């Protein structure tokens, strides 16, 4: 897990160094108490392989006293692995 501001900066820096964002769309925000769920779509290009991944994206934020205290990101992990060249799509 990434804990603290320096770790969060390192996380987002690593993404920026490896990926180019092609598209980002926010379709809905659902809030309940201190939890915010952002539902949308994203498309990325891996800068090493030049392969792309596109699909739904969900972020869950928890805020306390106006500051983010927890962040959970959900995206197509298999699609990312294919774009990174870690796995190959099935033949056929």
N, C-alpha and C. Protein backbone atom coordinates (compact mmCIF):
# COMPACT_ATOMS: atom_id res chain seq x y z
N UNK A 1 0.82 -1.20 0.00
CA UNK A 1 0.00 0.00 0.00
C UNK A 1 0.86 1.26 0.00
N UNK A 2 0.30 2.30 -0.54
CA UNK A 2 0.97 3.60 -0.57
C UNK A 2 0.41 4.43 0.58
N UNK A 3 1.27 4.79 1.53
CA UNK A 3 0.83 5.53 2.71
C UNK A 3 1.59 6.84 2.78
N UNK A 4 0.85 7.94 2.88
CA UNK A 4 1.47 9.25 3.02
C UNK A 4 1.57 9.98 1.71
N UNK A 5 1.76 11.29 1.82
CA UNK A 5 1.83 12.15 0.64
C UNK A 5 2.98 11.79 -0.30
N UNK A 6 4.21 11.54 0.20
CA UNK A 6 5.30 11.18 -0.73
C UNK A 6 5.00 9.89 -1.50
N UNK A 7 4.37 8.92 -0.85
CA UNK A 7 4.03 7.66 -1.52
C UNK A 7 2.96 7.88 -2.58
N UNK A 8 1.99 8.74 -2.29
CA UNK A 8 0.95 9.04 -3.27
C UNK A 8 1.56 9.74 -4.49
N UNK A 9 2.45 10.67 -4.25
CA UNK A 9 3.13 11.36 -5.35
C UNK A 9 3.93 10.36 -6.18
N UNK A 10 4.64 9.44 -5.53
CA UNK A 10 5.42 8.42 -6.23
C UNK A 10 4.52 7.53 -7.08
N UNK A 11 3.35 7.17 -6.56
CA UNK A 11 2.40 6.33 -7.29
C UNK A 11 1.96 7.01 -8.59
N UNK A 12 1.51 8.25 -8.48
CA UNK A 12 1.03 8.96 -9.66
C UNK A 12 2.17 9.31 -10.62
N UNK A 13 3.36 9.53 -10.10
CA UNK A 13 4.53 9.77 -10.95
C UNK A 13 4.86 8.53 -11.77
N UNK A 14 4.82 7.36 -11.14
CA UNK A 14 5.10 6.11 -11.85
C UNK A 14 4.10 5.88 -12.98
N UNK A 15 2.83 6.21 -12.74
CA UNK A 15 1.83 6.08 -13.80
C UNK A 15 2.16 7.02 -14.95
N UNK A 16 2.48 8.27 -14.63
CA UNK A 16 2.78 9.27 -15.67
C UNK A 16 4.00 8.90 -16.49
N UNK A 17 4.96 8.21 -15.88
CA UNK A 17 6.18 7.82 -16.60
C UNK A 17 5.96 6.63 -17.52
N UNK A 18 4.94 5.81 -17.24
CA UNK A 18 4.74 4.58 -18.02
C UNK A 18 3.54 4.64 -18.96
N UNK A 19 2.64 5.57 -18.74
CA UNK A 19 1.38 5.58 -19.48
C UNK A 19 1.05 6.99 -19.98
N UNK A 20 0.36 7.04 -21.14
CA UNK A 20 -0.21 8.29 -21.64
C UNK A 20 -1.72 8.15 -21.58
N UNK A 21 -2.38 9.10 -20.93
CA UNK A 21 -3.84 9.05 -20.88
C UNK A 21 -4.39 9.52 -22.22
N UNK A 22 -5.23 8.68 -22.82
CA UNK A 22 -5.86 9.00 -24.10
C UNK A 22 -7.23 9.62 -23.87
N UNK A 23 -7.94 9.09 -22.89
CA UNK A 23 -9.29 9.58 -22.60
C UNK A 23 -9.60 9.37 -21.14
N UNK A 24 -10.33 10.30 -20.57
CA UNK A 24 -10.87 10.14 -19.23
C UNK A 24 -12.24 10.79 -19.20
N UNK A 25 -13.20 10.05 -18.72
CA UNK A 25 -14.56 10.57 -18.67
C UNK A 25 -15.16 10.23 -17.31
N UNK A 26 -15.75 11.20 -16.68
CA UNK A 26 -16.44 11.00 -15.40
C UNK A 26 -17.93 11.02 -15.68
N UNK A 27 -18.59 9.89 -15.42
CA UNK A 27 -20.02 9.76 -15.71
C UNK A 27 -20.89 10.03 -14.49
N UNK A 28 -20.38 9.71 -13.31
CA UNK A 28 -21.23 9.82 -12.12
C UNK A 28 -20.36 9.91 -10.87
N UNK A 29 -20.83 10.70 -9.92
CA UNK A 29 -20.23 10.71 -8.59
C UNK A 29 -21.33 10.38 -7.60
N UNK A 30 -21.06 9.41 -6.75
CA UNK A 30 -22.00 9.01 -5.71
C UNK A 30 -21.32 9.29 -4.38
N UNK A 31 -21.99 10.05 -3.52
CA UNK A 31 -21.41 10.41 -2.22
C UNK A 31 -22.32 9.92 -1.10
N UNK A 32 -21.68 9.36 -0.09
CA UNK A 32 -22.40 8.97 1.12
C UNK A 32 -21.45 9.17 2.29
N UNK A 33 -21.78 10.09 3.16
CA UNK A 33 -20.92 10.36 4.31
C UNK A 33 -19.57 10.87 3.84
N UNK A 34 -18.51 10.19 4.24
CA UNK A 34 -17.16 10.61 3.87
C UNK A 34 -16.60 9.82 2.68
N UNK A 35 -17.48 9.06 1.99
CA UNK A 35 -17.05 8.22 0.86
C UNK A 35 -17.61 8.77 -0.44
N UNK A 36 -16.75 8.84 -1.45
CA UNK A 36 -17.11 9.35 -2.77
C UNK A 36 -16.71 8.31 -3.81
N UNK A 37 -17.66 7.90 -4.63
CA UNK A 37 -17.40 6.91 -5.68
C UNK A 37 -17.53 7.61 -7.02
N UNK A 38 -16.46 7.56 -7.80
CA UNK A 38 -16.42 8.19 -9.12
C UNK A 38 -16.45 7.07 -10.16
N UNK A 39 -17.45 7.11 -11.02
CA UNK A 39 -17.63 6.08 -12.05
C UNK A 39 -17.44 6.73 -13.41
N UNK A 40 -16.61 6.11 -14.24
CA UNK A 40 -16.37 6.68 -15.56
C UNK A 40 -15.71 5.70 -16.50
N UNK A 41 -14.91 6.24 -17.38
CA UNK A 41 -14.24 5.45 -18.41
C UNK A 41 -12.86 6.05 -18.62
N UNK A 42 -11.88 5.21 -18.92
CA UNK A 42 -10.52 5.70 -19.19
C UNK A 42 -9.89 4.87 -20.29
N UNK A 43 -8.97 5.50 -21.00
CA UNK A 43 -8.17 4.81 -22.02
C UNK A 43 -6.73 5.29 -21.86
N UNK A 44 -5.81 4.33 -21.92
CA UNK A 44 -4.39 4.62 -21.70
C UNK A 44 -3.55 3.96 -22.78
N UNK A 45 -2.40 4.55 -23.07
CA UNK A 45 -1.42 3.93 -23.96
C UNK A 45 -0.15 3.69 -23.16
N UNK A 46 0.34 2.45 -23.21
CA UNK A 46 1.60 2.14 -22.55
C UNK A 46 2.74 2.72 -23.38
N UNK A 47 3.62 3.47 -22.76
CA UNK A 47 4.67 4.17 -23.49
C UNK A 47 5.80 3.26 -23.96
N UNK A 48 5.91 2.06 -23.40
CA UNK A 48 6.94 1.13 -23.84
C UNK A 48 6.46 0.29 -25.01
N UNK A 49 5.25 -0.27 -24.91
CA UNK A 49 4.74 -1.17 -25.95
C UNK A 49 3.88 -0.47 -27.00
N UNK A 50 3.39 0.70 -26.66
CA UNK A 50 2.46 1.49 -27.48
C UNK A 50 1.10 0.82 -27.64
N UNK A 51 0.83 -0.19 -26.82
CA UNK A 51 -0.49 -0.84 -26.80
C UNK A 51 -1.43 -0.03 -25.92
N UNK A 52 -2.73 -0.16 -26.20
CA UNK A 52 -3.72 0.61 -25.44
C UNK A 52 -4.63 -0.31 -24.63
N UNK A 53 -5.24 0.29 -23.63
CA UNK A 53 -6.26 -0.37 -22.83
C UNK A 53 -7.36 0.67 -22.61
N UNK A 54 -8.60 0.21 -22.69
CA UNK A 54 -9.74 1.12 -22.55
C UNK A 54 -10.85 0.39 -21.83
N UNK A 55 -11.52 1.07 -20.91
CA UNK A 55 -12.62 0.43 -20.22
C UNK A 55 -13.16 1.25 -19.08
N UNK A 56 -14.13 0.68 -18.37
CA UNK A 56 -14.72 1.37 -17.22
C UNK A 56 -13.67 1.59 -16.13
N UNK A 57 -13.86 2.65 -15.36
CA UNK A 57 -12.95 2.96 -14.26
C UNK A 57 -13.78 3.42 -13.07
N UNK A 58 -13.44 2.93 -11.90
CA UNK A 58 -14.13 3.31 -10.67
C UNK A 58 -13.08 3.68 -9.64
N UNK A 59 -13.25 4.85 -9.03
CA UNK A 59 -12.39 5.30 -7.94
C UNK A 59 -13.25 5.50 -6.70
N UNK A 60 -12.75 5.03 -5.56
CA UNK A 60 -13.44 5.23 -4.29
C UNK A 60 -12.52 6.04 -3.39
N UNK A 61 -12.98 7.20 -3.02
CA UNK A 61 -12.21 8.11 -2.16
C UNK A 61 -12.88 8.18 -0.79
N UNK A 62 -12.05 8.23 0.25
CA UNK A 62 -12.54 8.53 1.59
C UNK A 62 -11.87 9.81 2.04
N UNK A 63 -12.67 10.76 2.50
CA UNK A 63 -12.14 12.05 2.93
C UNK A 63 -12.46 12.27 4.41
N UNK A 64 -11.54 12.91 5.09
CA UNK A 64 -11.74 13.28 6.48
C UNK A 64 -11.17 14.67 6.69
N UNK A 65 -11.96 15.56 7.23
CA UNK A 65 -11.53 16.94 7.48
C UNK A 65 -11.02 17.60 6.21
N UNK A 66 -11.66 17.30 5.07
CA UNK A 66 -11.30 17.93 3.81
C UNK A 66 -10.08 17.34 3.12
N UNK A 67 -9.52 16.26 3.66
CA UNK A 67 -8.34 15.63 3.06
C UNK A 67 -8.64 14.19 2.68
N UNK A 68 -8.06 13.75 1.57
CA UNK A 68 -8.19 12.35 1.16
C UNK A 68 -7.38 11.48 2.12
N UNK A 69 -8.03 10.46 2.68
CA UNK A 69 -7.33 9.55 3.60
C UNK A 69 -7.25 8.13 3.06
N UNK A 70 -8.02 7.83 2.01
CA UNK A 70 -7.96 6.51 1.40
C UNK A 70 -8.42 6.62 -0.05
N UNK A 71 -7.76 5.82 -0.92
CA UNK A 71 -8.09 5.84 -2.34
C UNK A 71 -8.02 4.41 -2.86
N UNK A 72 -9.06 3.98 -3.55
CA UNK A 72 -9.10 2.66 -4.16
C UNK A 72 -9.44 2.86 -5.64
N UNK A 73 -8.60 2.32 -6.50
CA UNK A 73 -8.79 2.46 -7.95
C UNK A 73 -9.10 1.10 -8.55
N UNK A 74 -10.15 1.03 -9.37
CA UNK A 74 -10.50 -0.21 -10.05
C UNK A 74 -10.53 0.03 -11.54
N UNK A 75 -9.75 -0.78 -12.26
CA UNK A 75 -9.65 -0.67 -13.71
C UNK A 75 -9.36 -2.06 -14.25
N UNK A 76 -9.34 -2.23 -15.53
CA UNK A 76 -9.14 -3.51 -16.19
C UNK A 76 -7.70 -4.00 -16.02
N UNK A 77 -7.43 -4.80 -15.01
CA UNK A 77 -6.05 -5.24 -14.75
C UNK A 77 -5.54 -6.18 -15.85
N UNK A 78 -6.41 -7.03 -16.42
CA UNK A 78 -5.99 -7.90 -17.51
C UNK A 78 -5.66 -7.08 -18.75
N UNK A 79 -6.48 -6.08 -19.04
CA UNK A 79 -6.21 -5.19 -20.17
C UNK A 79 -4.90 -4.43 -19.98
N UNK A 80 -4.63 -4.00 -18.77
CA UNK A 80 -3.35 -3.32 -18.48
C UNK A 80 -2.18 -4.28 -18.67
N UNK A 81 -2.33 -5.51 -18.20
CA UNK A 81 -1.26 -6.50 -18.37
C UNK A 81 -0.99 -6.78 -19.84
N UNK A 82 -2.06 -6.85 -20.65
CA UNK A 82 -1.89 -7.02 -22.11
C UNK A 82 -1.17 -5.82 -22.71
N UNK A 83 -1.58 -4.62 -22.31
CA UNK A 83 -0.96 -3.41 -22.85
C UNK A 83 0.51 -3.30 -22.45
N UNK A 84 0.84 -3.83 -21.28
CA UNK A 84 2.24 -3.79 -20.81
C UNK A 84 3.07 -4.90 -21.45
N UNK A 85 2.42 -5.87 -22.12
CA UNK A 85 3.16 -6.97 -22.73
C UNK A 85 3.45 -8.09 -21.73
N UNK A 86 2.81 -8.05 -20.57
CA UNK A 86 3.02 -9.09 -19.55
C UNK A 86 2.30 -10.38 -19.94
N UNK A 87 1.12 -10.25 -20.53
CA UNK A 87 0.37 -11.39 -21.05
C UNK A 87 -0.03 -11.07 -22.49
N UNK A 88 -0.18 -12.08 -23.27
CA UNK A 88 -0.60 -11.91 -24.66
C UNK A 88 -2.07 -12.27 -24.78
N UNK A 89 -2.80 -11.59 -25.67
CA UNK A 89 -4.20 -11.97 -25.88
C UNK A 89 -4.28 -13.39 -26.41
N UNK A 90 -5.40 -14.07 -26.14
CA UNK A 90 -5.55 -15.43 -26.64
C UNK A 90 -5.48 -15.46 -28.17
N UNK A 91 -4.85 -16.48 -28.69
CA UNK A 91 -4.75 -16.64 -30.16
C UNK A 91 -6.11 -17.05 -30.69
N UNK A 92 -6.39 -16.58 -31.90
CA UNK A 92 -7.57 -17.11 -32.51
C UNK A 92 -8.52 -16.14 -32.97
